[in-house]
Amino acid sequence: MASSKEYLEFILEQLSNLNDITYKAMMGEYIIYYKGKIVGGIYDDRFLVKPVKAAIELMPNAEYELPYEGAKEMLLVDEVENRTFLAELMNAMYDELPAPKTKKKH
């Protein structure tokens, strides 16, 4: 099942306190970037983030879910209504996220 554009727009609105939130559509789902780093995505109308230490500490009871078959588990963000929490989560996770891969020039 693909995610709805409405859910994407809702999450982007909830993250609108932050600068530099971008997304990329991928096979009916959406990858969410913060300052160029992948923080997670929207899969089947669920906001999932990478299970980095900061995210686990901020959401100790979060459920681990698969974004899609064959993928690594991610954390389900259930406090999507709380803009302050979402901003805190993105900022806490940022330093632990891998740097964006640079595209190789041919």
N, C-alpha and C. Protein backbone atom coordinates (compact mmCIF):
# COMPACT_ATOMS: atom_id res chain seq x y z
N MET A 1 0.84 -1.19 0.00
CA MET A 1 0.00 0.00 0.00
C MET A 1 0.89 1.25 0.00
N ALA A 2 0.58 2.17 -0.83
CA ALA A 2 1.36 3.41 -0.90
C ALA A 2 0.84 4.42 0.12
N SER A 3 1.67 5.39 0.42
CA SER A 3 1.27 6.45 1.34
C SER A 3 0.52 7.53 0.58
N SER A 4 -0.36 8.21 1.29
CA SER A 4 -1.14 9.27 0.65
C SER A 4 -0.37 10.59 0.67
N LYS A 5 -0.62 11.38 -0.34
CA LYS A 5 -0.03 12.73 -0.41
C LYS A 5 -0.52 13.56 0.79
N GLU A 6 -1.75 13.30 1.23
CA GLU A 6 -2.31 14.04 2.37
C GLU A 6 -1.51 13.78 3.63
N TYR A 7 -1.12 12.51 3.85
CA TYR A 7 -0.34 12.20 5.05
C TYR A 7 1.04 12.84 4.96
N LEU A 8 1.65 12.79 3.78
CA LEU A 8 2.93 13.47 3.57
C LEU A 8 2.81 14.95 3.93
N GLU A 9 1.78 15.60 3.39
CA GLU A 9 1.59 17.03 3.65
C GLU A 9 1.37 17.31 5.13
N PHE A 10 0.65 16.42 5.82
CA PHE A 10 0.43 16.57 7.26
C PHE A 10 1.77 16.52 8.00
N ILE A 11 2.60 15.52 7.70
CA ILE A 11 3.90 15.38 8.38
C ILE A 11 4.79 16.58 8.05
N LEU A 12 4.81 17.00 6.79
CA LEU A 12 5.64 18.17 6.42
C LEU A 12 5.17 19.41 7.17
N GLU A 13 3.86 19.56 7.34
CA GLU A 13 3.32 20.69 8.10
C GLU A 13 3.76 20.59 9.56
N GLN A 14 3.73 19.39 10.11
CA GLN A 14 4.14 19.18 11.51
C GLN A 14 5.63 19.48 11.70
N LEU A 15 6.41 19.31 10.64
CA LEU A 15 7.86 19.57 10.70
C LEU A 15 8.21 20.98 10.23
N SER A 16 7.21 21.81 9.97
CA SER A 16 7.46 23.11 9.35
C SER A 16 8.20 24.10 10.27
N ASN A 17 8.33 23.79 11.55
CA ASN A 17 9.13 24.64 12.46
C ASN A 17 10.62 24.53 12.14
N LEU A 18 11.00 23.46 11.43
CA LEU A 18 12.40 23.22 11.11
C LEU A 18 12.72 23.73 9.71
N ASN A 19 13.92 24.24 9.55
CA ASN A 19 14.37 24.61 8.21
C ASN A 19 15.00 23.38 7.58
N ASP A 20 14.96 23.32 6.26
CA ASP A 20 15.73 22.30 5.56
C ASP A 20 15.14 20.89 5.65
N ILE A 21 13.81 20.77 5.76
CA ILE A 21 13.16 19.46 5.64
C ILE A 21 12.79 19.29 4.18
N THR A 22 13.23 18.21 3.59
CA THR A 22 12.89 17.92 2.19
C THR A 22 12.45 16.47 2.10
N TYR A 23 11.90 16.11 0.96
CA TYR A 23 11.48 14.72 0.78
C TYR A 23 11.69 14.32 -0.66
N LYS A 24 11.71 13.01 -0.86
CA LYS A 24 11.81 12.46 -2.20
C LYS A 24 10.81 11.32 -2.30
N ALA A 25 9.98 11.35 -3.34
CA ALA A 25 9.04 10.26 -3.57
C ALA A 25 9.81 9.05 -4.09
N MET A 26 9.50 7.87 -3.53
CA MET A 26 10.18 6.66 -3.96
C MET A 26 9.21 5.48 -3.89
N MET A 27 8.83 4.98 -5.04
CA MET A 27 7.96 3.81 -5.15
C MET A 27 6.69 3.94 -4.29
N GLY A 28 6.03 5.07 -4.37
CA GLY A 28 4.77 5.26 -3.65
C GLY A 28 4.94 5.65 -2.20
N GLU A 29 6.17 5.75 -1.75
CA GLU A 29 6.45 6.16 -0.38
C GLU A 29 7.31 7.42 -0.42
N TYR A 30 7.66 7.97 0.74
CA TYR A 30 8.41 9.23 0.78
C TYR A 30 9.57 9.13 1.75
N ILE A 31 10.77 9.46 1.27
CA ILE A 31 11.96 9.53 2.12
C ILE A 31 12.02 10.96 2.66
N ILE A 32 12.23 11.09 3.96
CA ILE A 32 12.29 12.41 4.60
C ILE A 32 13.75 12.74 4.93
N TYR A 33 14.17 13.93 4.53
CA TYR A 33 15.53 14.40 4.76
C TYR A 33 15.50 15.61 5.70
N TYR A 34 16.50 15.70 6.56
CA TYR A 34 16.70 16.89 7.39
C TYR A 34 18.13 17.35 7.16
N LYS A 35 18.28 18.56 6.66
CA LYS A 35 19.60 19.13 6.34
C LYS A 35 20.41 18.17 5.47
N GLY A 36 19.74 17.53 4.53
CA GLY A 36 20.41 16.67 3.57
C GLY A 36 20.62 15.23 4.02
N LYS A 37 20.32 14.92 5.29
CA LYS A 37 20.50 13.55 5.78
C LYS A 37 19.14 12.85 5.87
N ILE A 38 19.13 11.57 5.56
CA ILE A 38 17.88 10.81 5.66
C ILE A 38 17.58 10.53 7.13
N VAL A 39 16.42 11.02 7.60
CA VAL A 39 16.00 10.74 8.98
C VAL A 39 15.03 9.57 9.04
N GLY A 40 14.33 9.35 7.95
CA GLY A 40 13.34 8.28 7.92
C GLY A 40 12.45 8.45 6.71
N GLY A 41 11.20 8.11 6.88
CA GLY A 41 10.30 8.22 5.76
C GLY A 41 8.87 7.94 6.14
N ILE A 42 8.02 8.07 5.15
CA ILE A 42 6.60 7.78 5.32
C ILE A 42 6.32 6.52 4.51
N TYR A 43 5.88 5.50 5.22
CA TYR A 43 5.62 4.19 4.62
C TYR A 43 4.24 3.74 5.06
N ASP A 44 3.36 3.48 4.12
CA ASP A 44 1.99 3.05 4.43
C ASP A 44 1.34 4.01 5.44
N ASP A 45 1.51 5.30 5.20
CA ASP A 45 0.96 6.34 6.07
C ASP A 45 1.41 6.20 7.53
N ARG A 46 2.67 5.79 7.71
CA ARG A 46 3.30 5.76 9.03
C ARG A 46 4.59 6.56 8.91
N PHE A 47 4.90 7.39 9.91
CA PHE A 47 6.16 8.13 9.93
C PHE A 47 7.16 7.29 10.71
N LEU A 48 8.15 6.76 10.02
CA LEU A 48 9.17 5.91 10.62
C LEU A 48 10.52 6.63 10.55
N VAL A 49 11.31 6.49 11.61
CA VAL A 49 12.65 7.11 11.63
C VAL A 49 13.70 6.04 11.90
N LYS A 50 14.94 6.37 11.53
CA LYS A 50 16.06 5.45 11.77
C LYS A 50 16.24 5.26 13.28
N PRO A 51 16.53 4.02 13.70
CA PRO A 51 16.66 3.75 15.14
C PRO A 51 18.04 4.13 15.68
N VAL A 52 18.40 5.39 15.57
CA VAL A 52 19.66 5.85 16.15
C VAL A 52 19.46 6.06 17.65
N LYS A 53 20.56 6.11 18.39
CA LYS A 53 20.51 6.18 19.85
C LYS A 53 19.61 7.31 20.36
N ALA A 54 19.72 8.49 19.79
CA ALA A 54 18.93 9.64 20.25
C ALA A 54 17.43 9.38 20.08
N ALA A 55 17.05 8.77 18.96
CA ALA A 55 15.63 8.47 18.73
C ALA A 55 15.12 7.44 19.73
N ILE A 56 15.94 6.43 20.00
CA ILE A 56 15.56 5.39 20.96
C ILE A 56 15.40 5.99 22.36
N GLU A 57 16.30 6.93 22.72
CA GLU A 57 16.23 7.57 24.04
C GLU A 57 14.99 8.46 24.15
N LEU A 58 14.64 9.16 23.08
CA LEU A 58 13.46 10.04 23.12
C LEU A 58 12.15 9.27 23.02
N MET A 59 12.20 8.07 22.43
CA MET A 59 10.99 7.26 22.27
C MET A 59 11.27 5.84 22.77
N PRO A 60 11.49 5.68 24.08
CA PRO A 60 11.89 4.37 24.61
C PRO A 60 10.84 3.28 24.38
N ASN A 61 9.59 3.65 24.23
CA ASN A 61 8.53 2.66 24.04
C ASN A 61 8.07 2.54 22.60
N ALA A 62 8.80 3.15 21.69
CA ALA A 62 8.40 3.11 20.28
C ALA A 62 8.46 1.69 19.74
N GLU A 63 7.54 1.40 18.85
CA GLU A 63 7.52 0.09 18.21
C GLU A 63 8.48 0.08 17.03
N TYR A 64 9.14 -1.05 16.85
CA TYR A 64 9.98 -1.25 15.68
C TYR A 64 9.10 -1.83 14.58
N GLU A 65 9.13 -1.21 13.41
CA GLU A 65 8.32 -1.69 12.30
C GLU A 65 9.15 -1.72 11.03
N LEU A 66 8.74 -2.58 10.12
CA LEU A 66 9.41 -2.67 8.82
C LEU A 66 8.76 -1.67 7.87
N PRO A 67 9.57 -0.81 7.25
CA PRO A 67 8.99 0.12 6.28
C PRO A 67 8.44 -0.63 5.06
N TYR A 68 9.14 -1.68 4.67
CA TYR A 68 8.73 -2.53 3.54
C TYR A 68 9.45 -3.86 3.68
N GLU A 69 8.98 -4.85 2.97
CA GLU A 69 9.55 -6.20 3.04
C GLU A 69 11.04 -6.18 2.70
N GLY A 70 11.84 -6.79 3.56
CA GLY A 70 13.27 -6.89 3.30
C GLY A 70 14.09 -5.71 3.81
N ALA A 71 13.44 -4.72 4.40
CA ALA A 71 14.15 -3.53 4.90
C ALA A 71 14.55 -3.73 6.36
N LYS A 72 15.42 -2.84 6.84
CA LYS A 72 15.78 -2.85 8.26
C LYS A 72 14.63 -2.21 9.05
N GLU A 73 14.47 -2.68 10.29
CA GLU A 73 13.42 -2.11 11.13
C GLU A 73 13.70 -0.64 11.44
N MET A 74 12.61 0.11 11.57
CA MET A 74 12.70 1.52 11.92
C MET A 74 11.75 1.76 13.09
N LEU A 75 11.88 2.94 13.70
CA LEU A 75 11.02 3.29 14.84
C LEU A 75 9.76 4.02 14.36
N LEU A 76 8.62 3.59 14.87
CA LEU A 76 7.36 4.25 14.56
C LEU A 76 7.22 5.49 15.44
N VAL A 77 7.02 6.64 14.82
CA VAL A 77 6.81 7.88 15.57
C VAL A 77 5.31 8.00 15.81
N ASP A 78 4.90 7.87 17.08
CA ASP A 78 3.47 7.97 17.34
C ASP A 78 3.04 9.36 17.82
N GLU A 79 3.99 10.22 18.12
CA GLU A 79 3.66 11.58 18.57
C GLU A 79 3.68 12.56 17.40
N VAL A 80 3.05 12.19 16.29
CA VAL A 80 3.10 13.06 15.10
C VAL A 80 2.30 14.34 15.28
N GLU A 81 1.42 14.38 16.29
CA GLU A 81 0.63 15.59 16.55
C GLU A 81 1.45 16.67 17.27
N ASN A 82 2.58 16.26 17.87
CA ASN A 82 3.37 17.15 18.73
C ASN A 82 4.54 17.75 17.96
N ARG A 83 4.34 18.97 17.45
CA ARG A 83 5.38 19.63 16.65
C ARG A 83 6.67 19.86 17.42
N THR A 84 6.55 20.24 18.69
CA THR A 84 7.73 20.50 19.51
C THR A 84 8.55 19.23 19.65
N PHE A 85 7.88 18.12 19.93
CA PHE A 85 8.58 16.84 20.05
C PHE A 85 9.25 16.46 18.73
N LEU A 86 8.55 16.63 17.62
CA LEU A 86 9.12 16.27 16.31
C LEU A 86 10.38 17.08 16.02
N ALA A 87 10.36 18.36 16.33
CA ALA A 87 11.54 19.21 16.11
C ALA A 87 12.69 18.74 17.00
N GLU A 88 12.38 18.43 18.26
CA GLU A 88 13.40 17.93 19.20
C GLU A 88 13.98 16.61 18.68
N LEU A 89 13.12 15.73 18.19
CA LEU A 89 13.55 14.44 17.67
C LEU A 89 14.50 14.61 16.48
N MET A 90 14.12 15.44 15.52
CA MET A 90 14.96 15.65 14.33
C MET A 90 16.32 16.22 14.72
N ASN A 91 16.31 17.22 15.60
CA ASN A 91 17.58 17.84 16.03
C ASN A 91 18.45 16.87 16.81
N ALA A 92 17.84 16.05 17.65
CA ALA A 92 18.61 15.07 18.44
C ALA A 92 19.22 14.02 17.54
N MET A 93 18.49 13.60 16.51
CA MET A 93 18.96 12.53 15.62
C MET A 93 20.04 13.00 14.66
N TYR A 94 20.04 14.27 14.31
CA TYR A 94 20.86 14.76 13.20
C TYR A 94 22.33 14.34 13.26
N ASP A 95 22.97 14.56 14.40
CA ASP A 95 24.41 14.28 14.50
C ASP A 95 24.74 12.79 14.37
N GLU A 96 23.77 11.93 14.68
CA GLU A 96 24.02 10.49 14.62
C GLU A 96 23.74 9.89 13.24
N LEU A 97 23.13 10.67 12.38
CA LEU A 97 22.79 10.15 11.05
C LEU A 97 24.01 10.15 10.14
N PRO A 98 24.10 9.16 9.27
CA PRO A 98 25.25 9.15 8.34
C PRO A 98 25.20 10.34 7.38
N ALA A 99 26.37 10.81 7.01
CA ALA A 99 26.44 11.91 6.04
C ALA A 99 25.87 11.43 4.70
N PRO A 100 25.30 12.36 3.93
CA PRO A 100 24.78 11.95 2.62
C PRO A 100 25.89 11.40 1.74
N LYS A 101 25.54 10.41 0.97
CA LYS A 101 26.52 9.83 0.04
C LYS A 101 26.74 10.83 -1.10
N THR A 102 27.98 11.00 -1.48
CA THR A 102 28.26 11.90 -2.60
C THR A 102 28.17 11.10 -3.90
N LYS A 103 27.58 11.72 -4.87
CA LYS A 103 27.44 11.05 -6.17
C LYS A 103 28.80 11.03 -6.87
N LYS A 104 29.13 9.89 -7.43
CA LYS A 104 30.39 9.75 -8.14
C LYS A 104 30.28 10.38 -9.51
N LYS A 105 31.32 11.09 -9.88
CA LYS A 105 31.37 11.69 -11.22
C LYS A 105 32.05 10.72 -12.15
N HIS A 106 31.52 10.58 -13.32
CA HIS A 106 32.11 9.66 -14.31
C HIS A 106 33.07 10.37 -15.22
